[in-house]
Protein backbone atom coordinates (compact mmCIF):
# COMPACT_ATOMS: atom_id res chain seq x y z
CA UNK A 1 -214.29 353.24 -60.66
CA UNK A 2 -213.01 350.92 -57.92
CA UNK A 3 -209.54 349.46 -58.29
CA UNK A 4 -209.09 345.70 -58.34
CA UNK A 5 -207.69 345.82 -54.81
CA UNK A 6 -210.77 347.69 -53.53
CA UNK A 7 -213.07 345.15 -55.19
CA UNK A 8 -211.21 342.28 -53.54
CA UNK A 9 -211.42 343.97 -50.13
CA UNK A 10 -215.17 344.56 -50.55
CA UNK A 11 -215.72 340.91 -51.44
CA UNK A 12 -213.78 339.74 -48.40
CA UNK A 13 -215.95 341.96 -46.13
CA UNK A 14 -219.20 340.73 -47.71
CA UNK A 15 -218.23 337.09 -47.36
CA UNK A 16 -217.17 337.65 -43.76
CA UNK A 17 -220.49 339.29 -42.84
CA UNK A 18 -222.90 337.00 -44.65
CA UNK A 19 -221.01 333.73 -44.93
CA UNK A 20 -222.09 333.61 -48.62
CA UNK A 21 -220.26 334.53 -51.81
CA UNK A 22 -222.07 337.29 -53.79
CA UNK A 23 -222.26 336.72 -57.59
CA UNK A 24 -220.08 339.74 -58.36
CA UNK A 25 -217.27 338.21 -56.31
CA UNK A 26 -217.07 335.31 -58.77
CA UNK A 27 -216.19 337.91 -61.43
CA UNK A 28 -213.41 339.32 -59.24
CA UNK A 29 -212.14 335.80 -58.55
CA UNK A 30 -212.02 335.10 -62.29
CA UNK A 31 -209.87 338.20 -62.86
CA UNK A 32 -207.45 337.12 -60.14
CA UNK A 33 -207.29 333.59 -61.53
CA UNK A 34 -206.48 334.90 -65.00
CA UNK A 35 -203.76 337.12 -63.55
CA UNK A 36 -202.21 334.19 -61.69
CA UNK A 37 -202.15 331.97 -64.78
CA UNK A 38 -200.73 334.38 -67.36
CA UNK A 39 -197.25 335.86 -67.28
CA UNK A 40 -197.40 339.45 -68.51
CA UNK A 41 -194.86 340.67 -71.04
CA UNK A 42 -192.77 343.69 -70.18
CA UNK A 43 -192.92 346.18 -73.07
CA UNK A 44 -189.41 347.61 -72.78
CA UNK A 45 -188.52 346.61 -76.35
CA UNK A 46 -191.03 346.92 -79.20
CA UNK A 47 -189.11 345.77 -82.25
CA UNK A 48 -189.08 343.14 -85.01
CA UNK A 49 -185.73 341.39 -85.45
CA UNK A 50 -184.39 341.22 -89.00
CA UNK A 51 -181.36 338.90 -88.52
CA UNK A 52 -178.74 341.61 -89.09
CA UNK A 53 -175.98 341.70 -86.47
CA UNK A 54 -172.91 343.69 -85.48
CA UNK A 55 -169.60 343.18 -87.26
CA UNK A 56 -167.10 340.81 -85.67
CA UNK A 57 -165.51 342.59 -82.72
CA UNK A 58 -167.92 345.54 -82.92
CA UNK A 59 -169.89 347.06 -80.02
CA UNK A 60 -173.24 348.72 -80.75
CA UNK A 61 -175.82 350.49 -78.59
CA UNK A 62 -179.57 351.06 -78.86
CA UNK A 63 -181.88 353.06 -76.61
CA UNK A 64 -185.49 351.84 -76.65
CA UNK A 65 -188.38 353.92 -75.30
CA UNK A 66 -192.15 353.61 -75.58
CA UNK A 67 -194.99 355.50 -73.94
CA UNK A 68 -198.68 354.66 -73.47
CA UNK A 69 -200.69 357.82 -74.11
CA UNK A 70 -203.88 355.79 -73.63
CA UNK A 71 -203.09 352.47 -71.99
CA UNK A 72 -204.69 349.78 -69.87
CA UNK A 73 -205.64 351.18 -66.48
CA UNK A 74 -205.31 347.95 -64.50
CA UNK A 75 -202.08 345.96 -64.04
CA UNK A 76 -201.74 342.58 -65.73
CA UNK A 77 -201.34 340.97 -62.31
CA UNK A 78 -201.62 342.14 -58.68
CA UNK A 79 -198.81 344.56 -57.87
CA UNK A 80 -197.79 344.98 -61.51
CA UNK A 81 -197.03 348.16 -63.42
CA UNK A 82 -200.10 350.02 -64.73
CA UNK A 83 -199.47 350.59 -68.47
CA UNK A 84 -201.49 353.82 -68.76
CA UNK A 85 -199.19 356.88 -69.02
CA UNK A 86 -196.14 354.69 -68.30
CA UNK A 87 -192.77 355.12 -70.00
CA UNK A 88 -190.91 351.84 -70.56
CA UNK A 89 -187.55 351.30 -72.15
CA UNK A 90 -184.13 349.74 -72.04
CA UNK A 91 -180.55 350.28 -73.02
CA UNK A 92 -179.17 347.53 -75.26
CA UNK A 93 -175.48 346.80 -75.77
CA UNK A 94 -174.49 344.22 -78.40
CA UNK A 95 -171.20 342.64 -79.47
CA UNK A 96 -170.45 340.73 -82.69
CA UNK A 97 -168.69 337.44 -81.92
CA UNK A 98 -168.74 335.85 -85.39
CA UNK A 99 -170.55 336.62 -88.64
CA UNK A 100 -173.44 334.45 -87.38
CA UNK A 101 -173.44 335.10 -83.60
CA UNK A 102 -174.13 338.27 -81.63
CA UNK A 103 -174.40 338.61 -77.86
CA UNK A 104 -176.25 341.43 -76.08
CA UNK A 105 -177.48 342.60 -72.71
CA UNK A 106 -180.19 345.00 -71.56
CA UNK A 107 -180.92 347.32 -68.63
CA UNK A 108 -184.75 347.65 -68.66
CA UNK A 109 -186.55 350.39 -66.76
CA UNK A 110 -189.93 352.09 -66.42
CA UNK A 111 -191.50 355.26 -65.05
CA UNK A 112 -195.15 354.98 -64.05
CA UNK A 113 -197.89 357.61 -64.20
CA UNK A 114 -196.93 358.80 -60.70
CA UNK A 115 -193.38 359.45 -62.02
CA UNK A 116 -191.99 356.62 -59.88
CA UNK A 117 -188.94 355.04 -61.56
CA UNK A 118 -188.36 351.28 -61.59
CA UNK A 119 -185.49 349.07 -62.67
CA UNK A 120 -186.23 345.69 -64.21
CA UNK A 121 -182.83 344.16 -63.39
CA UNK A 122 -181.06 342.79 -66.47
CA UNK A 123 -181.50 340.63 -69.57
CA UNK A 124 -178.95 338.88 -71.76
CA UNK A 125 -179.41 337.43 -75.23
CA UNK A 126 -177.71 335.19 -77.77
CA UNK A 127 -178.63 335.86 -81.41
CA UNK A 128 -177.77 333.31 -84.13
CA UNK A 129 -178.39 334.21 -87.80
CA UNK A 130 -177.51 333.31 -91.35
CA UNK A 131 -174.40 335.36 -92.30
CA UNK A 132 -174.84 338.46 -94.48
CA UNK A 133 -178.59 338.61 -93.84
CA UNK A 134 -178.81 342.18 -95.22
CA UNK A 135 -177.69 340.93 -98.65
CA UNK A 136 -180.11 338.01 -98.90
CA UNK A 137 -183.60 337.72 -100.36
CA UNK A 138 -184.52 335.06 -97.78
CA UNK A 139 -182.98 335.24 -94.32
CA UNK A 140 -183.53 333.64 -90.93
CA UNK A 141 -182.18 333.27 -87.42
CA UNK A 142 -183.17 332.69 -83.82
CA UNK A 143 -182.70 334.73 -80.65
CA UNK A 144 -182.62 333.40 -77.09
CA UNK A 145 -183.13 335.87 -74.27
CA UNK A 146 -182.73 335.21 -70.56
CA UNK A 147 -184.07 337.68 -68.01
CA UNK A 148 -184.48 338.13 -64.28
CA UNK A 149 -187.50 340.34 -63.63
CA UNK A 150 -188.56 342.55 -60.75
CA UNK A 151 -192.05 342.15 -59.19
CA UNK A 152 -193.54 345.21 -60.95
CA UNK A 153 -192.80 343.76 -64.41
CA UNK A 154 -193.55 340.03 -64.26
CA UNK A 155 -195.36 337.69 -61.91
CA UNK A 156 -192.52 335.19 -62.24
CA UNK A 157 -188.86 335.95 -61.60
CA UNK A 158 -187.19 334.15 -64.50
CA UNK A 159 -188.12 334.31 -68.19
CA UNK A 160 -186.70 332.73 -71.34
CA UNK A 161 -187.68 334.16 -74.73
CA UNK A 162 -187.24 332.20 -77.95
CA UNK A 163 -187.63 334.40 -81.04
CA UNK A 164 -187.36 332.75 -84.46
CA UNK A 165 -186.68 335.18 -87.32
CA UNK A 166 -187.91 334.53 -90.85
CA UNK A 167 -187.86 337.20 -93.54
CA UNK A 168 -188.18 337.84 -97.26
CA UNK A 169 -186.88 340.82 -99.21
CA UNK A 170 -187.73 341.69 -102.82
CA UNK A 171 -186.64 344.96 -104.38
CA UNK A 172 -187.58 347.76 -101.99
CA UNK A 173 -189.97 345.62 -99.94
CA UNK A 174 -189.44 343.37 -96.95
CA UNK A 175 -191.65 341.12 -94.83
CA UNK A 176 -190.43 339.68 -91.51
CA UNK A 177 -192.13 337.52 -88.90
CA UNK A 178 -190.98 336.79 -85.33
CA UNK A 179 -193.16 334.02 -83.82
CA UNK A 180 -192.06 334.70 -80.23
CA UNK A 181 -192.60 332.23 -77.38
CA UNK A 182 -191.89 333.23 -73.77
CA UNK A 183 -191.30 330.63 -71.07
CA UNK A 184 -191.85 331.86 -67.52
CA UNK A 185 -190.26 329.81 -64.77
CA UNK A 186 -191.51 329.67 -61.23
CA UNK A 187 -194.85 329.54 -59.46
CA UNK A 188 -196.73 331.57 -62.07
CA UNK A 189 -194.67 330.45 -65.04
CA UNK A 190 -195.80 329.01 -68.34
CA UNK A 191 -195.55 329.49 -72.09
CA UNK A 192 -196.85 332.66 -73.76
CA UNK A 193 -197.23 333.08 -77.54
CA UNK A 194 -196.59 336.63 -78.81
CA UNK A 195 -195.91 336.73 -82.58
CA UNK A 196 -194.79 339.96 -84.27
CA UNK A 197 -194.43 340.96 -87.92
CA UNK A 198 -193.15 343.81 -90.08
CA UNK A 199 -193.90 344.95 -93.64
CA UNK A 200 -191.84 347.89 -94.93
CA UNK A 201 -190.75 349.67 -98.07
CA UNK A 202 -187.40 351.34 -98.63
CA UNK A 203 -188.00 354.79 -100.15
CA UNK A 204 -184.37 355.75 -100.57
CA UNK A 205 -181.00 355.65 -98.91
CA UNK A 206 -181.48 355.39 -95.12
CA UNK A 207 -185.23 355.97 -95.25
CA UNK A 208 -188.11 353.50 -95.04
CA UNK A 209 -191.75 353.36 -93.97
CA UNK A 210 -193.92 350.46 -92.98
CA UNK A 211 -196.20 348.71 -90.52
CA UNK A 212 -195.35 346.54 -87.52
CA UNK A 213 -197.83 344.26 -85.80
CA UNK A 214 -197.40 343.06 -82.21
CA UNK A 215 -199.59 340.56 -80.39
CA UNK A 216 -199.82 338.68 -77.12
CA UNK A 217 -202.14 335.70 -77.50
CA UNK A 218 -201.59 334.14 -74.09
CA UNK A 219 -200.94 330.47 -73.43
CA UNK A 220 -201.11 328.28 -76.58
CA UNK A 221 -203.08 325.59 -74.72
CA UNK A 222 -205.52 328.07 -73.17
CA UNK A 223 -205.84 330.93 -75.65
CA UNK A 224 -207.74 334.01 -74.57
CA UNK A 225 -210.80 335.29 -76.48
CA UNK A 226 -209.73 337.63 -79.27
CA UNK A 227 -210.93 340.81 -77.54
CA UNK A 228 -208.87 339.97 -74.43
CA UNK A 229 -205.68 339.41 -76.44
CA UNK A 230 -203.20 342.18 -77.18
CA UNK A 231 -203.10 343.31 -80.83
CA UNK A 232 -201.23 346.52 -81.67
CA UNK A 233 -200.59 347.91 -85.16
CA UNK A 234 -197.79 350.48 -85.56
CA UNK A 235 -197.10 352.83 -88.43
CA UNK A 236 -193.30 353.19 -88.44
CA UNK A 237 -190.56 355.17 -90.13
CA UNK A 238 -186.83 354.37 -90.24
CA UNK A 239 -184.21 357.03 -90.97
CA UNK A 240 -180.68 358.13 -90.14
CA UNK A 241 -179.41 361.34 -88.54
CA UNK A 242 -175.63 361.59 -88.66
CA UNK A 243 -174.25 358.50 -86.95
CA UNK A 244 -177.60 357.63 -85.35
CA UNK A 245 -180.22 355.24 -86.74
CA UNK A 246 -183.81 356.00 -85.70
CA UNK A 247 -186.90 353.83 -85.73
CA UNK A 248 -190.09 355.63 -84.60
CA UNK A 249 -193.72 354.68 -84.67
CA UNK A 250 -197.24 355.27 -83.40
CA UNK A 251 -199.33 352.26 -82.40
CA UNK A 252 -203.06 351.66 -82.06
CA UNK A 253 -204.64 348.91 -79.99
CA UNK A 254 -207.17 346.84 -81.93
CA UNK A 255 -208.77 345.04 -78.96
CA UNK A 256 -210.05 345.82 -75.47
CA UNK A 257 -207.06 344.01 -73.99
CA UNK A 258 -204.56 346.28 -75.81
CA UNK A 259 -203.13 349.67 -74.98
CA UNK A 260 -205.14 352.05 -77.16
CA UNK A 261 -202.51 354.62 -78.21
CA UNK A 262 -198.74 354.07 -78.01
CA UNK A 263 -195.59 355.73 -79.31
CA UNK A 264 -192.15 354.18 -79.59
CA UNK A 265 -188.65 355.24 -80.60
CA UNK A 266 -185.37 353.37 -80.95
CA UNK A 267 -182.07 355.23 -81.40
CA UNK A 268 -178.97 353.20 -82.25
CA UNK A 269 -175.33 353.74 -83.12
CA UNK A 270 -172.01 351.92 -83.49
CA UNK A 271 -169.65 352.28 -80.54
CA UNK A 272 -166.64 350.66 -82.23
CA UNK A 273 -165.69 349.80 -85.81
CA UNK A 274 -165.13 346.06 -85.57
CA UNK A 275 -163.92 343.88 -88.42
CA UNK A 276 -165.53 344.80 -91.74
CA UNK A 277 -167.82 342.23 -93.28
CA UNK A 278 -171.09 342.23 -95.19
CA UNK A 279 -173.19 340.99 -92.28
CA UNK A 280 -173.85 344.43 -90.86
CA UNK A 281 -173.16 347.17 -93.32
CA UNK A 282 -176.66 348.48 -92.76
CA UNK A 283 -177.93 350.36 -89.78
CA UNK A 284 -178.76 348.68 -86.52
CA UNK A 285 -181.73 350.53 -85.22
CA UNK A 286 -184.25 349.00 -87.54
CA UNK A 287 -183.58 345.72 -86.08
CA UNK A 288 -185.92 344.05 -83.83
CA UNK A 289 -189.48 343.78 -80.79
CA UNK A 290 -189.53 345.60 -80.09
CA UNK A 291 -187.56 346.75 -86.01
CA UNK A 292 -184.93 346.98 -88.54
CA UNK A 293 -184.76 347.94 -92.08
CA UNK A 294 -184.05 345.68 -94.96
CA UNK A 295 -181.93 348.22 -96.71
CA UNK A 296 -179.58 347.96 -93.83
CA UNK A 297 -181.09 350.03 -91.06
CA UNK A 298 -181.97 348.41 -87.80
CA UNK A 299 -180.47 345.14 -86.93
CA UNK A 300 -181.87 342.32 -84.88
């Protein structure tokens, strides 16, 4: 199968020779137009935020990794990372400022199918939540993330993510939604709607199972057909090994525009003790896009 670049080159040669545009070149032009309009989402963090944050004065760390066993074989835009057989991830450091405010920063990276490593610069975030979210039946918050992206990851250099957090917890069950909106700034910028959700059950101390659902619907004002959108359903498990919280899952793509088979893992731990309060007595790994646990596992 020809790559997108080869198809473009062939069209240029045909137009140059004949002076006419062959019908198949309109198809190639449509692909390029779609790529120039939409800002692709880097998949370094696959997690649903649950509004739990670090203690005041506490440092925490999470390592996010995900791998596309069967992924899309074309980049989302010219020159972008090909998802198939790519490892993507990030380190995440977070610091509790108050019982309702946590600040964090990320060091995203990727390794493509040719084993070429890439750095995706840096991201910072500000997370604001209702205090003691782990103890509440209804909880909420909002996260703002600011990132500078490298050319392999996004077709615009600057990105702002707004992630509202709304969740309900009853007995051993929890349901959380993150209606995420990304705002790309620059020549190819624009809004992108990518809601995520989590439904999980706590089966005991430091152990839970559930489902997480991740989507990318494209621009709200110009939504893609369903089969071209990204819809991924993950079966996940949250548990604790010693001082480390683990969130792991296997995801399946439900549409043609999704990666077909994915795996993800988040490992988190406390780096310092901080000031004790009820806002973060649970574990931090089960937190966010990328998954936290209601019983107190992962935080954002």
